[in-house]
Amino acid sequence: MQERIKFGLVGVGVSKKESDWIASMHYFVPSIAWARYFPQIAKDPRAELVAVCDVIKERLEEAKKAYGVKQVFTDYKEMLEKADIDAVIITTPNKYHFPMAMEAIKAGKHLIVEKPIALTCDEAKKMVDEAKKKGVKFMPAPWVFDPCFYKIREMIEKGSIGKVCLLKSKIGHMGPGHSEWSYKAGAGAGVIFDLGIYPVTKLTGLMGPAKRVLALKGTAIEKRLVMDKEIPSEVEDNSVINLDFGNGTFGVITANYCTQTSMGHH
């Protein structure tokens, strides 16, 4: 029988809709840990959630109660040192991805990092180089496992559908309603890192790296509701990204927090 992979996750986040503020909330999803990683690990016989880390103790106790987590930590380095884990999942605010990932890699832990992988290309390269040096597996989000995607790329490469001249993709919703950091300057936040990264991944995955990029971004809605508290938005919430793949082939991406309902990228 295959031994289960022991995971530790840092960045528990908000689990559910809170009754005292959901009535006037305009948009809500649980944190990525609660929405994706916790339930997926729980139902996979090859995996086990051994440890979680968060700076808010109440969130740790909630995860411990819901999923039987054996070890909880408020200090990330302590989790790396003391927890019996094989791999780490990082779902923290974006600005912490690089330093936390580097600590995990140096500790010899395999790694999954939520999007974006880092805030700069230089940081991303250092993470990849260090993972290769240490011989650990490293997977950043977003990833593409859809067989349909690979079939389309194959058709493009073979010219089965003729020359591709223009690709368009759009994604949007009304913005995160449960995390103030999503609207704070300096946190690595904003709609491009949060939503625009998905269509950028898809289009460059189909066509290869862009040769030129022309992008516009701005703040269309200056104040946001987060758990019934109005806060100023310090990041972009509306963007247009134009990609030039060469030979007259272009990509057009729109990403925003200005759409009244959730609009998946397509």
Protein backbone atom coordinates (compact mmCIF):
# COMPACT_ATOMS: atom_id res chain seq x y z
CA MET A 1 0.00 0.00 0.00
CA GLN A 2 1.31 3.44 -0.95
CA GLU A 3 2.30 5.60 1.99
CA ARG A 4 0.21 8.74 2.24
CA ILE A 5 1.75 12.12 1.51
CA LYS A 6 1.69 14.23 4.67
CA PHE A 7 0.74 17.86 4.01
CA GLY A 8 1.14 21.01 6.03
CA LEU A 9 -0.79 24.14 4.99
CA VAL A 10 -0.07 27.74 5.88
CA GLY A 11 -2.80 30.37 5.50
CA VAL A 12 -6.07 28.82 6.73
CA GLY A 13 -8.25 31.85 6.05
CA VAL A 14 -12.01 32.32 6.40
CA SER A 15 -14.07 29.13 6.34
CA LYS A 16 -17.70 30.10 5.92
CA LYS A 17 -20.30 32.83 5.69
CA GLU A 18 -20.63 34.65 8.99
CA SER A 19 -24.23 35.49 9.86
CA ASP A 20 -23.47 38.94 11.26
CA TRP A 21 -22.14 40.33 8.00
CA ILE A 22 -23.24 38.13 5.11
CA ALA A 23 -26.61 39.91 4.78
CA SER A 24 -25.02 42.95 3.18
CA MET A 25 -22.03 41.21 1.61
CA HIS A 26 -21.80 41.65 -2.14
CA TYR A 27 -19.48 38.73 -2.81
CA PHE A 28 -18.19 35.83 -0.77
CA VAL A 29 -16.17 32.66 -1.21
CA PRO A 30 -14.38 30.74 1.53
CA SER A 31 -10.60 30.88 1.53
CA ILE A 32 -8.85 28.67 -1.00
CA ALA A 33 -7.80 26.35 1.83
CA TRP A 34 -11.42 25.66 2.83
CA ALA A 35 -12.83 25.72 -0.68
CA ARG A 36 -10.23 23.50 -2.36
CA TYR A 37 -7.31 22.04 -0.42
CA PHE A 38 -8.95 20.80 2.79
CA PRO A 39 -11.79 18.85 1.11
CA GLN A 40 -9.56 17.48 -1.68
CA ILE A 41 -6.94 16.18 0.74
CA ALA A 42 -9.63 14.73 3.02
CA LYS A 43 -11.14 12.59 0.27
CA ASP A 44 -7.86 11.42 -1.27
CA PRO A 45 -6.55 8.17 0.29
CA ARG A 46 -3.05 9.07 -0.90
CA ALA A 47 -2.91 12.27 1.16
CA GLU A 48 -3.18 13.39 4.78
CA LEU A 49 -3.51 16.86 6.29
CA VAL A 50 -1.14 16.70 9.25
CA ALA A 51 -0.49 20.35 10.16
CA VAL A 52 -1.90 23.84 9.59
CA CYS A 53 -0.47 27.26 10.33
CA ASP A 54 -2.18 30.64 10.68
CA VAL A 55 -1.64 33.78 12.73
CA ILE A 56 -5.26 33.65 13.98
CA LYS A 57 -5.66 30.87 16.56
CA GLU A 58 -9.43 30.55 16.12
CA ARG A 59 -8.94 29.48 12.52
CA LEU A 60 -6.52 26.78 13.61
CA GLU A 61 -9.01 25.33 16.07
CA GLU A 62 -11.73 25.37 13.43
CA ALA A 63 -9.54 23.41 11.00
CA LYS A 64 -8.49 21.01 13.74
CA LYS A 65 -12.12 20.31 14.63
CA ALA A 66 -13.34 19.97 11.04
CA TYR A 67 -10.53 17.82 9.63
CA GLY A 68 -8.82 16.24 12.63
CA VAL A 69 -5.55 18.08 12.03
CA LYS A 70 -2.91 16.72 14.41
CA GLN A 71 -0.64 19.77 14.72
CA VAL A 72 -1.40 23.50 14.63
CA PHE A 73 1.07 26.38 14.57
CA THR A 74 1.07 30.17 14.55
CA ASP A 75 4.72 30.29 13.45
CA TYR A 76 5.56 29.02 9.97
CA LYS A 77 9.22 28.24 10.68
CA GLU A 78 8.17 26.24 13.72
CA MET A 79 5.83 24.18 11.55
CA LEU A 80 8.65 23.42 9.12
CA GLU A 81 10.90 22.40 11.99
CA LYS A 82 8.50 20.35 14.13
CA ALA A 83 5.66 19.05 11.96
CA ASP A 84 5.84 15.55 10.49
CA ILE A 85 5.15 16.63 6.90
CA ASP A 86 6.41 15.81 3.41
CA ALA A 87 4.96 18.78 1.55
CA VAL A 88 3.78 22.34 2.18
CA ILE A 89 0.85 24.24 0.66
CA ILE A 90 1.13 28.04 0.78
CA THR A 91 -2.18 29.95 0.61
CA THR A 92 -1.13 33.15 2.35
CA PRO A 93 -1.35 36.75 1.09
CA ASN A 94 0.77 37.07 -2.03
CA LYS A 95 3.69 39.00 -0.57
CA TYR A 96 4.59 36.02 1.65
CA HIS A 97 4.76 33.44 -1.16
CA PHE A 98 8.44 33.94 -1.98
CA PRO A 99 9.97 34.02 1.52
CA MET A 100 7.82 31.14 2.76
CA ALA A 101 8.47 29.04 -0.32
CA MET A 102 12.21 29.51 0.02
CA GLU A 103 12.07 28.42 3.67
CA ALA A 104 10.11 25.29 2.73
CA ILE A 105 12.44 24.38 -0.12
CA LYS A 106 15.53 24.85 2.06
CA ALA A 107 13.87 22.56 4.63
CA GLY A 108 13.57 19.90 1.93
CA LYS A 109 9.76 20.01 1.68
CA HIS A 110 7.87 19.51 -1.54
CA LEU A 111 5.75 22.52 -2.33
CA ILE A 112 2.49 23.85 -3.76
CA VAL A 113 2.23 27.66 -3.96
CA GLU A 114 -1.02 29.43 -4.74
CA LYS A 115 -1.05 32.08 -7.43
CA PRO A 116 0.89 34.14 -8.07
CA ILE A 117 4.08 32.12 -7.68
CA ALA A 118 5.86 35.35 -6.63
CA LEU A 119 5.68 39.10 -7.13
CA THR A 120 8.60 39.32 -9.58
CA CYS A 121 10.22 37.17 -12.24
CA ASP A 122 13.49 37.30 -10.31
CA GLU A 123 11.82 35.83 -7.21
CA ALA A 124 10.14 33.11 -9.27
CA LYS A 125 13.44 32.11 -10.89
CA LYS A 126 15.16 31.89 -7.50
CA MET A 127 12.40 29.60 -6.23
CA VAL A 128 12.65 27.29 -9.24
CA ASP A 129 16.45 27.21 -9.13
CA GLU A 130 16.48 26.43 -5.40
CA ALA A 131 13.89 23.65 -5.84
CA LYS A 132 16.05 22.05 -8.54
CA LYS A 133 19.12 22.36 -6.34
CA LYS A 134 17.35 20.72 -3.38
CA GLY A 135 15.63 18.09 -5.52
CA VAL A 136 12.13 18.89 -4.29
CA LYS A 137 8.93 18.91 -6.34
CA PHE A 138 7.51 22.41 -6.77
CA MET A 139 4.11 23.24 -8.28
CA PRO A 140 2.79 26.81 -8.52
CA ALA A 141 -0.82 27.71 -9.31
CA PRO A 142 -2.55 28.12 -11.65
CA TRP A 143 -1.93 24.87 -13.47
CA VAL A 144 -3.66 23.33 -16.47
CA PHE A 145 -4.63 19.65 -16.45
CA ASP A 146 -7.62 19.83 -18.79
CA PRO A 147 -7.32 17.29 -21.67
CA CYS A 148 -9.37 19.68 -23.82
CA PHE A 149 -6.70 22.36 -23.36
CA TYR A 150 -3.93 20.05 -24.56
CA LYS A 151 -6.03 18.95 -27.53
CA ILE A 152 -6.58 22.57 -28.57
CA ARG A 153 -2.86 23.29 -28.27
CA GLU A 154 -2.10 20.24 -30.39
CA MET A 155 -4.55 21.43 -33.06
CA ILE A 156 -2.96 24.90 -33.06
CA GLU A 157 0.55 23.47 -33.35
CA LYS A 158 -0.45 21.17 -36.22
CA GLY A 159 -2.39 23.92 -38.01
CA SER A 160 -5.55 21.82 -37.97
CA ILE A 161 -7.76 24.87 -37.50
CA GLY A 162 -5.72 27.20 -39.69
CA LYS A 163 -3.72 30.17 -38.50
CA VAL A 164 -4.80 31.53 -35.12
CA CYS A 165 -4.91 35.33 -35.35
CA LEU A 166 -6.75 36.46 -32.22
CA LEU A 167 -7.43 35.00 -28.79
CA LYS A 168 -9.79 36.64 -26.28
CA SER A 169 -10.41 35.85 -22.63
CA LYS A 170 -12.28 37.62 -19.85
CA ILE A 171 -12.80 37.03 -16.15
CA GLY A 172 -14.44 39.02 -13.38
CA HIS A 173 -16.54 39.26 -10.24
CA MET A 174 -17.27 41.91 -7.59
CA GLY A 175 -14.06 41.37 -5.66
CA PRO A 176 -13.16 39.45 -2.49
CA GLY A 177 -15.47 40.30 0.40
CA HIS A 178 -13.67 38.61 3.28
CA SER A 179 -10.05 39.82 3.19
CA GLU A 180 -8.88 43.41 3.63
CA TRP A 181 -5.38 42.59 2.36
CA SER A 182 -6.88 41.99 -1.10
CA TYR A 183 -7.26 45.77 -1.43
CA LYS A 184 -4.06 46.89 0.30
CA ALA A 185 -1.03 48.28 -1.50
CA GLY A 186 2.15 46.38 -0.73
CA ALA A 187 0.41 43.03 -0.22
CA GLY A 188 0.95 41.92 -3.80
CA ALA A 189 -2.80 42.13 -4.38
CA GLY A 190 -4.95 43.43 -7.23
CA VAL A 191 -7.12 41.95 -9.92
CA ILE A 192 -4.29 41.00 -12.30
CA PHE A 193 -2.52 38.73 -9.79
CA ASP A 194 -5.86 37.45 -8.48
CA LEU A 195 -7.91 36.89 -11.66
CA GLY A 196 -5.94 38.01 -14.71
CA ILE A 197 -3.33 35.35 -14.02
CA TYR A 198 -5.76 32.61 -15.16
CA PRO A 199 -6.30 33.79 -18.74
CA VAL A 200 -2.66 34.83 -19.03
CA THR A 201 -1.71 31.25 -18.13
CA LYS A 202 -4.18 29.80 -20.62
CA LEU A 203 -3.26 32.03 -23.57
CA THR A 204 0.51 31.75 -23.10
CA GLY A 205 0.06 28.03 -22.51
CA LEU A 206 -1.58 27.76 -25.92
CA MET A 207 0.63 30.15 -27.87
CA GLY A 208 3.92 30.32 -25.96
CA PRO A 209 5.51 33.41 -24.38
CA ALA A 210 4.32 36.80 -25.57
CA LYS A 211 6.85 38.89 -27.46
CA ARG A 212 5.28 42.17 -26.37
CA VAL A 213 2.77 43.22 -23.71
CA LEU A 214 0.61 46.34 -23.52
CA ALA A 215 -1.49 46.60 -20.36
CA LEU A 216 -3.80 49.13 -18.76
CA LYS A 217 -5.01 49.00 -15.17
CA GLY A 218 -6.93 51.28 -12.86
CA THR A 219 -9.18 51.57 -9.82
CA ALA A 220 -12.79 51.96 -10.94
CA ILE A 221 -14.46 51.48 -7.53
CA GLU A 222 -12.63 53.44 -4.86
CA LYS A 223 -14.32 51.93 -1.76
CA ARG A 224 -15.04 48.29 -1.02
CA LEU A 225 -17.12 46.34 1.49
CA VAL A 226 -15.19 43.74 3.45
CA MET A 227 -17.26 41.94 6.09
CA ASP A 228 -19.64 44.94 6.21
CA LYS A 229 -16.75 47.35 6.72
CA GLU A 230 -16.12 49.97 4.07
CA ILE A 231 -12.43 50.35 3.20
CA PRO A 232 -10.53 52.28 0.52
CA SER A 233 -9.22 50.26 -2.40
CA GLU A 234 -5.50 50.77 -2.95
CA VAL A 235 -5.11 48.33 -5.86
CA GLU A 236 -6.32 47.99 -9.43
CA ASP A 237 -9.77 46.46 -9.92
CA ASN A 238 -10.06 46.83 -13.70
CA SER A 239 -7.54 45.80 -16.34
CA VAL A 240 -6.95 45.13 -20.03
CA ILE A 241 -3.93 43.13 -21.18
CA ASN A 242 -2.87 42.91 -24.83
CA LEU A 243 -0.39 40.22 -25.83
CA ASP A 244 1.60 40.09 -29.07
CA PHE A 245 2.62 36.51 -29.93
CA GLY A 246 4.31 37.55 -33.19
CA ASN A 247 3.35 36.99 -36.82
CA GLY A 248 0.22 39.07 -36.43
CA THR A 249 -1.29 36.93 -33.65
CA PHE A 250 -2.67 38.81 -30.65
CA GLY A 251 -4.34 38.07 -27.35
CA VAL A 252 -6.80 40.32 -25.50
CA ILE A 253 -7.54 39.75 -21.80
CA THR A 254 -9.92 41.66 -19.51
CA ALA A 255 -9.98 41.07 -15.75
CA ASN A 256 -12.02 43.05 -13.23
CA TYR A 257 -13.69 43.31 -9.84
CA CYS A 258 -16.56 45.27 -11.42
CA THR A 259 -18.80 42.44 -12.65
CA GLN A 260 -22.03 41.97 -10.68
CA THR A 261 -21.85 38.19 -10.83
CA SER A 262 -18.99 35.74 -11.06
CA MET A 263 -17.70 35.42 -14.64
CA GLY A 264 -15.28 32.57 -15.22
CA HIS A 265 -12.50 32.98 -17.74
CA HIS A 266 -13.48 31.97 -21.26
